[in-house]
PDB file of N, CA and C in Angstrom:
ATOM      1  N   MET A   1     115.835  72.593  66.445  1.00  0.00           N
ATOM      2  CA  MET A   1     114.574  72.388  66.792  1.00  0.00           C
ATOM      3  C   MET A   1     114.294  72.996  68.746  1.00  0.00           C
ATOM      4  N   VAL A   2     115.824  71.862  69.190  1.00  0.00           N
ATOM      5  CA  VAL A   2     115.617  72.708  70.705  1.00  0.00           C
ATOM      6  C   VAL A   2     115.657  74.783  70.761  1.00  0.00           C
ATOM      7  N   TRP A   3     116.678  74.797  69.863  1.00  0.00           N
ATOM      8  CA  TRP A   3     117.429  76.484  70.224  1.00  0.00           C
ATOM      9  C   TRP A   3     116.159  77.066  70.246  1.00  0.00           C
ATOM     10  N   PHE A   4     114.958  76.462  69.159  1.00  0.00           N
ATOM     11  CA  PHE A   4     113.808  77.690  68.300  1.00  0.00           C
ATOM     12  C   PHE A   4     112.449  77.178  69.681  1.00  0.00           C
ATOM     13  N   LEU A   5     112.643  76.389  70.127  1.00  0.00           N
ATOM     14  CA  LEU A   5     111.891  76.415  71.356  1.00  0.00           C
ATOM     15  C   LEU A   5     112.053  76.772  72.840  1.00  0.00           C
ATOM     16  N   ILE A   6     113.470  76.882  73.119  1.00  0.00           N
ATOM     17  CA  ILE A   6     113.803  77.381  74.046  1.00  0.00           C
ATOM     18  C   ILE A   6     114.046  78.834  74.105  1.00  0.00           C
ATOM     19  N   PHE A   7     114.627  79.969  72.277  1.00  0.00           N
ATOM     20  CA  PHE A   7     113.865  80.839  71.820  1.00  0.00           C
ATOM     21  C   PHE A   7     113.028  81.591  72.420  1.00  0.00           C
ATOM     22  N   ALA A   8     111.570  80.694  71.675  1.00  0.00           N
ATOM     23  CA  ALA A   8     109.851  80.062  71.916  1.00  0.00           C
ATOM     24  C   ALA A   8     110.072  81.327  73.243  1.00  0.00           C
ATOM     25  N   ALA A   9     110.458  80.639  74.795  1.00  0.00           N
ATOM     26  CA  ALA A   9     110.065  80.316  75.611  1.00  0.00           C
ATOM     27  C   ALA A   9     110.635  81.678  76.265  1.00  0.00           C
ATOM     28  N   SER A  10     111.433  81.820  75.330  1.00  0.00           N
ATOM     29  CA  SER A  10     112.317  83.972  76.367  1.00  0.00           C
ATOM     30  C   SER A  10     111.699  84.065  75.377  1.00  0.00           C
ATOM     31  N   VAL A  11     110.817  84.587  74.814  1.00  0.00           N
ATOM     32  CA  VAL A  11     110.355  85.635  73.758  1.00  0.00           C
ATOM     33  C   VAL A  11     109.257  85.564  75.079  1.00  0.00           C
ATOM     34  N   PHE A  12     108.404  84.781  74.681  1.00  0.00           N
ATOM     35  CA  PHE A  12     107.547  84.399  75.851  1.00  0.00           C
ATOM     36  C   PHE A  12     106.953  84.496  77.847  1.00  0.00           C
ATOM     37  N   SER A  13     108.477  84.266  77.874  1.00  0.00           N
ATOM     38  CA  SER A  13     108.590  84.708  78.578  1.00  0.00           C
ATOM     39  C   SER A  13     109.026  86.179  79.418  1.00  0.00           C
ATOM     40  N   LEU A  14     109.575  86.792  78.250  1.00  0.00           N
ATOM     41  CA  LEU A  14     110.468  88.477  78.460  1.00  0.00           C
ATOM     42  C   LEU A  14     108.831  89.064  78.535  1.00  0.00           C
ATOM     43  N   TYR A  15     106.820  89.041  77.509  1.00  0.00           N
ATOM     44  CA  TYR A  15     106.616  89.314  77.278  1.00  0.00           C
ATOM     45  C   TYR A  15     105.530  89.251  78.586  1.00  0.00           C
ATOM     46  N   PHE A  16     105.606  87.962  78.893  1.00  0.00           N
ATOM     47  CA  PHE A  16     104.262  87.904  80.613  1.00  0.00           C
ATOM     48  C   PHE A  16     104.879  88.660  81.957  1.00  0.00           C
ATOM     49  N   TRP A  17     106.676  88.801  81.523  1.00  0.00           N
ATOM     50  CA  TRP A  17     107.468  89.352  82.560  1.00  0.00           C
ATOM     51  C   TRP A  17     107.144  90.934  82.076  1.00  0.00           C
ATOM     52  N   PHE A  18     106.951  91.093  81.471  1.00  0.00           N
ATOM     53  CA  PHE A  18     107.023  93.181  81.777  1.00  0.00           C
ATOM     54  C   PHE A  18     105.415  93.118  81.267  1.00  0.00           C
ATOM     55  N   GLN A  19     104.116  92.272  80.457  1.00  0.00           N
ATOM     56  CA  GLN A  19     102.934  92.945  81.592  1.00  0.00           C
ATOM     57  C   GLN A  19     102.765  92.895  82.348  1.00  0.00           C
ATOM     58  N   TYR A  20     103.141  91.590  83.593  1.00  0.00           N
ATOM     59  CA  TYR A  20     102.633  91.829  84.974  1.00  0.00           C
ATOM     60  C   TYR A  20     103.590  92.951  85.347  1.00  0.00           C
ATOM     61  N   ARG A  21     104.608  93.447  85.004  1.00  0.00           N
ATOM     62  CA  ARG A  21     105.371  94.246  85.703  1.00  0.00           C
ATOM     63  C   ARG A  21     104.693  95.642  85.477  1.00  0.00           C
ATOM     64  N   GLU A  22     104.259  95.989  83.832  1.00  0.00           N
ATOM     65  CA  GLU A  22     103.565  97.468  83.662  1.00  0.00           C
ATOM     66  C   GLU A  22     102.195  97.052  84.760  1.00  0.00           C
ATOM     67  N   ARG A  23     101.427  95.665  84.902  1.00  0.00           N
ATOM     68  CA  ARG A  23     100.000  95.830  85.945  1.00  0.00           C
ATOM     69  C   ARG A  23     100.779  96.186  87.484  1.00  0.00           C
ATOM     70  N   GLN A  24     101.639  95.449  87.744  1.00  0.00           N
ATOM     71  CA  GLN A  24     101.499  96.104  88.953  1.00  0.00           C
ATOM     72  C   GLN A  24     102.346  97.539  89.671  1.00  0.00           C
ATOM     73  N   ARG A  25     102.628  98.280  87.575  1.00  0.00           N
ATOM     74  CA  ARG A  25     102.547  99.259  88.346  1.00  0.00           C
ATOM     75  C   ARG A  25     102.009 100.230  87.941  1.00  0.00           C
ATOM     76  N   GLU A  26     100.915 100.008  87.429  1.00  0.00           N
ATOM     77  CA  GLU A  26      99.368 100.756  87.241  1.00  0.00           C
ATOM     78  C   GLU A  26      98.963 100.571  89.218  1.00  0.00           C
ATOM     79  N   GLU A  27      98.538  98.377  89.548  1.00  0.00           N
ATOM     80  CA  GLU A  27      97.477  98.783  90.643  1.00  0.00           C
ATOM     81  C   GLU A  27      98.483  99.897  91.887  1.00  0.00           C
ATOM     82  N   ASN A  28      99.779 100.095  91.580  1.00  0.00           N
ATOM     83  CA  ASN A  28     100.699 101.042  92.785  1.00  0.00           C
ATOM     84  C   ASN A  28     100.595 102.581  92.730  1.00  0.00           C
ATOM     85  N   SER A  29     100.229 102.853  91.543  1.00  0.00           N
ATOM     86  CA  SER A  29     100.489 104.022  90.764  1.00  0.00           C
ATOM     87  C   SER A  29      99.166 104.957  92.142  1.00  0.00           C
ATOM     88  N   PRO A  30      99.480 106.412  92.188  1.00  0.00           N
ATOM     89  CA  PRO A  30      98.328 107.617  93.184  1.00  0.00           C
ATOM     90  C   PRO A  30      97.720 107.214  93.004  1.00  0.00           C
ATOM     91  N   LEU A  31      97.050 107.405  91.407  1.00  0.00           N
ATOM     92  CA  LEU A  31      96.091 107.607  90.483  1.00  0.00           C
ATOM     93  C   LEU A  31      94.744 106.405  90.759  1.00  0.00           C
ATOM     94  N   ALA A  32      95.900 105.013  90.217  1.00  0.00           N
ATOM     95  CA  ALA A  32      94.868 103.890  89.761  1.00  0.00           C
ATOM     96  C   ALA A  32      93.420 104.070  90.437  1.00  0.00           C
ATOM     97  N   SER A  33      91.888 103.646  90.389  1.00  0.00           N
ATOM     98  CA  SER A  33      91.065 103.895  90.386  1.00  0.00           C
ATOM     99  C   SER A  33      90.738 103.365  91.520  1.00  0.00           C
ATOM    100  N   HIS A  34      91.198 102.772  92.172  1.00  0.00           N
ATOM    101  CA  HIS A  34      90.942 101.904  94.158  1.00  0.00           C
ATOM    102  C   HIS A  34      91.665 102.800  94.720  1.00  0.00           C
ATOM    103  N   ARG A  35      92.093 103.942  94.487  1.00  0.00           N
ATOM    104  CA  ARG A  35      93.037 105.189  95.973  1.00  0.00           C
ATOM    105  C   ARG A  35      92.079 106.307  95.019  1.00  0.00           C
ATOM    106  N   SER A  36      90.747 106.324  94.608  1.00  0.00           N
ATOM    107  CA  SER A  36      89.638 107.785  94.402  1.00  0.00           C
ATOM    108  C   SER A  36      89.600 108.492  95.911  1.00  0.00           C
ATOM    109  N   GLY A  37      90.029 107.820  97.101  1.00  0.00           N
ATOM    110  CA  GLY A  37      90.028 108.845  98.087  1.00  0.00           C
ATOM    111  C   GLY A  37      91.366 109.488  97.854  1.00  0.00           C
ATOM    112  N   HIS A  38      92.251 110.034  97.874  1.00  0.00           N
ATOM    113  CA  HIS A  38      93.400 110.338  97.174  1.00  0.00           C
ATOM    114  C   HIS A  38      93.093 112.430  96.059  1.00  0.00           C
ATOM    115  N   SER A  39      92.149 111.670  95.416  1.00  0.00           N
ATOM    116  CA  SER A  39      91.319 113.062  94.083  1.00  0.00           C
ATOM    117  C   SER A  39      90.712 113.468  95.639  1.00  0.00           C
ATOM    118  N   HIS A  40      90.346 113.196  96.562  1.00  0.00           N
ATOM    119  CA  HIS A  40      89.342 114.632  97.413  1.00  0.00           C
ATOM    120  C   HIS A  40      90.682 114.963  98.943  1.00  0.00           C
ATOM    121  N   ILE A  41      92.018 115.183  98.301  1.00  0.00           N
ATOM    122  CA  ILE A  41      92.936 115.571  99.303  1.00  0.00           C
ATOM    123  C   ILE A  41      93.400 117.066  98.697  1.00  0.00           C
ATOM    124  N   GLY A  42      92.779 118.016 100.254  1.00  0.00           N
ATOM    125  CA  GLY A  42      92.779 119.430  99.454  1.00  0.00           C
ATOM    126  C   GLY A  42      91.819 119.685  99.662  1.00  0.00           C
ATOM    127  N   GLN A  43      90.708 119.074  99.408  1.00  0.00           N
ATOM    128  CA  GLN A  43      88.640 119.775  99.284  1.00  0.00           C
ATOM    129  C   GLN A  43      88.758 120.236 101.011  1.00  0.00           C
ATOM    130  N   VAL A  44      88.183 121.278 100.958  1.00  0.00           N
ATOM    131  CA  VAL A  44      87.031 121.568 102.152  1.00  0.00           C
ATOM    132  C   VAL A  44      86.098 120.860 102.074  1.00  0.00           C
ATOM    133  N   VAL A  45      84.899 120.785 102.879  1.00  0.00           N
ATOM    134  CA  VAL A  45      83.409 119.727 103.503  1.00  0.00           C
ATOM    135  C   VAL A  45      83.207 120.597 103.879  1.00  0.00           C
ATOM    136  N   VAL A  46      81.977 120.869 104.404  1.00  0.00           N
ATOM    137  CA  VAL A  46      81.268 120.874 105.534  1.00  0.00           C
ATOM    138  C   VAL A  46      80.625 119.916 105.734  1.00  0.00           C
ATOM    139  N   LEU A  47      80.742 119.930 108.197  1.00  0.00           N
ATOM    140  CA  LEU A  47      80.439 118.275 108.484  1.00  0.00           C
ATOM    141  C   LEU A  47      79.048 118.380 108.653  1.00  0.00           C
ATOM    142  N   GLU A  48      78.296 117.613 107.725  1.00  0.00           N
ATOM    143  CA  GLU A  48      75.922 117.848 108.150  1.00  0.00           C
ATOM    144  C   GLU A  48      76.283 116.602 109.849  1.00  0.00           C
ATOM    145  N   GLN A  49      77.478 116.222 110.022  1.00  0.00           N
ATOM    146  CA  GLN A  49      77.867 115.093 110.848  1.00  0.00           C
ATOM    147  C   GLN A  49      78.925 116.106 111.973  1.00  0.00           C
ATOM    148  N   GLY A  50      78.814 116.067 113.142  1.00  0.00           N
ATOM    149  CA  GLY A  50      80.206 116.009 113.647  1.00  0.00           C
ATOM    150  C   GLY A  50      80.827 114.744 114.283  1.00  0.00           C
ATOM    151  N   LEU A  51      81.590 115.240 114.397  1.00  0.00           N
ATOM    152  CA  LEU A  51      82.786 114.641 114.781  1.00  0.00           C
ATOM    153  C   LEU A  51      82.961 113.551 116.150  1.00  0.00           C
ATOM    154  N   GLN A  52      82.553 112.620 116.411  1.00  0.00           N
ATOM    155  CA  GLN A  52      83.026 111.748 118.018  1.00  0.00           C
ATOM    156  C   GLN A  52      84.227 110.856 117.781  1.00  0.00           C
ATOM    157  N   ASN A  53      84.059 111.473 119.192  1.00  0.00           N
ATOM    158  CA  ASN A  53      86.130 110.453 119.676  1.00  0.00           C
ATOM    159  C   ASN A  53      86.965 110.588 118.825  1.00  0.00           C
ATOM    160  N   GLY A  54      86.979 111.754 117.343  1.00  0.00           N
ATOM    161  CA  GLY A  54      87.830 111.555 116.671  1.00  0.00           C
ATOM    162  C   GLY A  54      87.614 110.973 114.970  1.00  0.00           C
ATOM    163  N   THR A  55      86.038 110.090 115.088  1.00  0.00           N
ATOM    164  CA  THR A  55      85.523 109.534 113.536  1.00  0.00           C
ATOM    165  C   THR A  55      84.192 110.299 113.000  1.00  0.00           C
ATOM    166  N   GLY A  56      84.008 110.418 112.164  1.00  0.00           N
ATOM    167  CA  GLY A  56      82.890 110.245 111.491  1.00  0.00           C
ATOM    168  C   GLY A  56      82.732 109.783 110.434  1.00  0.00           C
ATOM    169  N   ARG A  57      81.640 110.280 110.057  1.00  0.00           N
ATOM    170  CA  ARG A  57      80.909 110.225 108.512  1.00  0.00           C
ATOM    171  C   ARG A  57      81.254 111.207 107.388  1.00  0.00           C
ATOM    172  N   ILE A  58      81.038 111.615 106.308  1.00  0.00           N
ATOM    173  CA  ILE A  58      80.914 112.565 105.590  1.00  0.00           C
ATOM    174  C   ILE A  58      80.575 111.705 103.774  1.00  0.00           C
ATOM    175  N   ARG A  59      79.964 112.897 103.819  1.00  0.00           N
ATOM    176  CA  ARG A  59      79.553 112.432 101.963  1.00  0.00           C
ATOM    177  C   ARG A  59      80.103 113.268 100.768  1.00  0.00           C
ATOM    178  N   LEU A  60      81.102 112.355 100.394  1.00  0.00           N
ATOM    179  CA  LEU A  60      81.353 113.363  99.098  1.00  0.00           C
ATOM    180  C   LEU A  60      80.978 113.111  97.775  1.00  0.00           C
ATOM    181  N   GLY A  61      80.540 113.767  96.811  1.00  0.00           N
ATOM    182  CA  GLY A  61      80.030 112.794  95.549  1.00  0.00           C
ATOM    183  C   GLY A  61      79.519 111.677  95.363  1.00  0.00           C
ATOM    184  N   ASN A  62      78.899 110.804  95.467  1.00  0.00           N
ATOM    185  CA  ASN A  62      77.754 109.860  95.996  1.00  0.00           C
ATOM    186  C   ASN A  62      78.364 108.546  96.304  1.00  0.00           C
ATOM    187  N   ARG A  63      79.492 108.321  97.387  1.00  0.00           N
ATOM    188  CA  ARG A  63      79.942 108.312  98.789  1.00  0.00           C
ATOM    189  C   ARG A  63      79.762 108.549  99.528  1.00  0.00           C
ATOM    190  N   ASP A  64      79.438 108.078 100.751  1.00  0.00           N
ATOM    191  CA  ASP A  64      79.999 108.171 101.782  1.00  0.00           C
ATOM    192  C   ASP A  64      81.270 107.912 102.297  1.00  0.00           C
ATOM    193  N   TRP A  65      82.336 108.436 103.146  1.00  0.00           N
ATOM    194  CA  TRP A  65      83.752 108.224 103.780  1.00  0.00           C
ATOM    195  C   TRP A  65      83.754 108.105 104.715  1.00  0.00           C
ATOM    196  N   PRO A  66      83.991 106.943 105.914  1.00  0.00           N
ATOM    197  CA  PRO A  66      84.992 106.747 107.506  1.00  0.00           C
ATOM    198  C   PRO A  66      85.854 108.077 107.208  1.00  0.00           C
ATOM    199  N   VAL A  67      85.565 108.768 108.420  1.00  0.00           N
ATOM    200  CA  VAL A  67      86.888 110.055 108.514  1.00  0.00           C
ATOM    201  C   VAL A  67      87.767 110.213 109.829  1.00  0.00           C
ATOM    202  N   ARG A  68      88.207 111.369 110.004  1.00  0.00           N
ATOM    203  CA  ARG A  68      89.037 110.769 111.836  1.00  0.00           C
ATOM    204  C   ARG A  68      89.775 111.683 111.073  1.00  0.00           C
ATOM    205  N   GLY A  69      89.735 112.723 112.483  1.00  0.00           N
ATOM    206  CA  GLY A  69      90.373 113.806 112.741  1.00  0.00           C
ATOM    207  C   GLY A  69      90.009 114.807 113.957  1.00  0.00           C
ATOM    208  N   PRO A  70      90.333 115.198 114.401  1.00  0.00           N
ATOM    209  CA  PRO A  70      90.049 116.261 115.720  1.00  0.00           C
ATOM    210  C   PRO A  70      88.111 115.922 115.725  1.00  0.00           C
ATOM    211  N   ASN A  71      88.022 115.535 117.538  1.00  0.00           N
ATOM    212  CA  ASN A  71      86.677 116.587 117.404  1.00  0.00           C
ATOM    213  C   ASN A  71      86.158 117.759 117.066  1.00  0.00           C
ATOM    214  N   LEU A  72      84.975 117.416 116.238  1.00  0.00           N
ATOM    215  CA  LEU A  72      84.377 118.731 115.682  1.00  0.00           C
ATOM    216  C   LEU A  72      83.240 119.374 115.665  1.00  0.00           C
ATOM    217  N   PRO A  73      82.283 119.989 116.236  1.00  0.00           N
ATOM    218  CA  PRO A  73      80.657 119.932 115.492  1.00  0.00           C
ATOM    219  C   PRO A  73      80.215 119.464 114.212  1.00  0.00           C
ATOM    220  N   ALA A  74      79.101 119.429 114.675  1.00  0.00           N
ATOM    221  CA  ALA A  74      78.157 119.515 113.086  1.00  0.00           C
ATOM    222  C   ALA A  74      78.160 120.481 112.734  1.00  0.00           C
ATOM    223  N   GLY A  75      79.052 120.831 111.574  1.00  0.00           N
ATOM    224  CA  GLY A  75      78.263 122.364 110.728  1.00  0.00           C
ATOM    225  C   GLY A  75      79.857 122.967 110.404  1.00  0.00           C
ATOM    226  N   SER A  76      81.087 122.248 110.864  1.00  0.00           N
ATOM    227  CA  SER A  76      82.223 123.137 110.860  1.00  0.00           C
ATOM    228  C   SER A  76      83.039 122.875 110.053  1.00  0.00           C
ATOM    229  N   LYS A  77      83.624 123.329 109.418  1.00  0.00           N
ATOM    230  CA  LYS A  77      84.301 123.093 108.040  1.00  0.00           C
ATOM    231  C   LYS A  77      85.606 122.354 108.164  1.00  0.00           C
ATOM    232  N   ALA A  78      85.934 120.946 107.674  1.00  0.00           N
ATOM    233  CA  ALA A  78      87.274 120.846 107.985  1.00  0.00           C
ATOM    234  C   ALA A  78      87.442 120.384 106.447  1.00  0.00           C
ATOM    235  N   ARG A  79      89.335 120.498 106.349  1.00  0.00           N
ATOM    236  CA  ARG A  79      89.947 119.886 105.329  1.00  0.00           C
ATOM    237  C   ARG A  79      90.602 118.397 105.325  1.00  0.00           C
ATOM    238  N   VAL A  80      89.741 117.488 103.815  1.00  0.00           N
ATOM    239  CA  VAL A  80      91.121 116.817 103.489  1.00  0.00           C
ATOM    240  C   VAL A  80      92.433 116.734 103.457  1.00  0.00           C
ATOM    241  N   THR A  81      92.713 116.007 104.873  1.00  0.00           N
ATOM    242  CA  THR A  81      94.218 116.627 104.112  1.00  0.00           C
ATOM    243  C   THR A  81      95.005 114.915 104.598  1.00  0.00           C
ATOM    244  N   GLY A  82      94.602 113.436 103.911  1.00  0.00           N
ATOM    245  CA  GLY A  82      95.211 113.132 103.450  1.00  0.00           C
ATOM    246  C   GLY A  82      93.625 111.415 103.687  1.00  0.00           C
ATOM    247  N   VAL A  83      94.337 110.274 103.497  1.00  0.00           N
ATOM    248  CA  VAL A  83      94.391 108.705 103.528  1.00  0.00           C
ATOM    249  C   VAL A  83      95.296 108.044 103.674  1.00  0.00           C
ATOM    250  N   ASP A  84      93.795 107.271 104.947  1.00  0.00           N
ATOM    251  CA  ASP A  84      94.539 106.017 105.625  1.00  0.00           C
ATOM    252  C   ASP A  84      94.043 104.296 105.124  1.00  0.00           C
ATOM    253  N   GLY A  85      94.552 103.618 104.099  1.00  0.00           N
ATOM    254  CA  GLY A  85      92.974 102.870 103.474  1.00  0.00           C
ATOM    255  C   GLY A  85      91.899 103.476 103.088  1.00  0.00           C
ATOM    256  N   THR A  86      91.181 103.822 103.102  1.00  0.00           N
ATOM    257  CA  THR A  86      89.768 104.043 102.939  1.00  0.00           C
ATOM    258  C   THR A  86      89.398 105.129 103.901  1.00  0.00           C
ATOM    259  N   ILE A  87      89.811 105.473 105.049  1.00  0.00           N
ATOM    260  CA  ILE A  87      89.289 106.007 106.031  1.00  0.00           C
ATOM    261  C   ILE A  87      89.872 107.457 105.097  1.00  0.00           C
ATOM    262  N   LEU A  88      88.928 109.096 105.123  1.00  0.00           N
ATOM    263  CA  LEU A  88      89.987 110.403 105.032  1.00  0.00           C
ATOM    264  C   LEU A  88      89.645 110.759 106.432  1.00  0.00           C
ATOM    265  N   LEU A  89      91.422 111.177 106.075  1.00  0.00           N
ATOM    266  CA  LEU A  89      91.751 112.467 107.274  1.00  0.00           C
ATOM    267  C   LEU A  89      91.427 113.333 107.148  1.00  0.00           C
ATOM    268  N   VAL A  90      91.146 113.774 107.770  1.00  0.00           N
ATOM    269  CA  VAL A  90      90.069 115.694 108.007  1.00  0.00           C
ATOM    270  C   VAL A  90      91.166 116.664 109.082  1.00  0.00           C
ATOM    271  N   ASP A  91      91.377 118.082 108.548  1.00  0.00           N
ATOM    272  CA  ASP A  91      91.839 118.326 109.851  1.00  0.00           C
ATOM    273  C   ASP A  91      91.016 119.730 109.774  1.00  0.00           C
ATOM    274  N   ARG A  92      90.480 120.841 111.269  1.00  0.00           N
ATOM    275  CA  ARG A  92      90.119 121.920 111.749  1.00  0.00           C
ATOM    276  C   ARG A  92      89.994 122.775 110.327  1.00  0.00           C
ATOM    277  N   VAL A  93      89.612 123.273 109.464  1.00  0.00           N
ATOM    278  CA  VAL A  93      90.233 124.780 109.232  1.00  0.00           C
ATOM    279  C   VAL A  93      89.466 126.297 109.526  1.00  0.00           C
ATOM    280  N   ALA A  94      90.955 126.582 110.331  1.00  0.00           N
ATOM    281  CA  ALA A  94      90.614 128.064 111.045  1.00  0.00           C
ATOM    282  C   ALA A  94      89.369 128.753 110.299  1.00  0.00           C
ATOM    283  N   ALA A  95      88.700 129.871 110.772  1.00  0.00           N
ATOM    284  CA  ALA A  95      88.354 130.781 110.314  1.00  0.00           C
ATOM    285  C   ALA A  95      88.366 132.044 109.774  1.00  0.00           C
TER     286      ALA A  95
END
């Protein structure tokens, strides 16, 4: 009976460990839903408001995003080059 309990505990432990590892792999994936800013990399946007002191905000889809990049006037084009947490990194687009 003891061997059966050890076997059952081992099987359950392995099952839950594999479930945990799969959940961790999903959360660390670059395509995970909480990393939605990564889907905007490479997109060119027209700035409605200029970037002052290297920061500003843009609207992509149905969400306002904080952005960081070089000082740019309103109406200029910028390309999303990366993501730092929830902040989109932008750079000017050559005309």
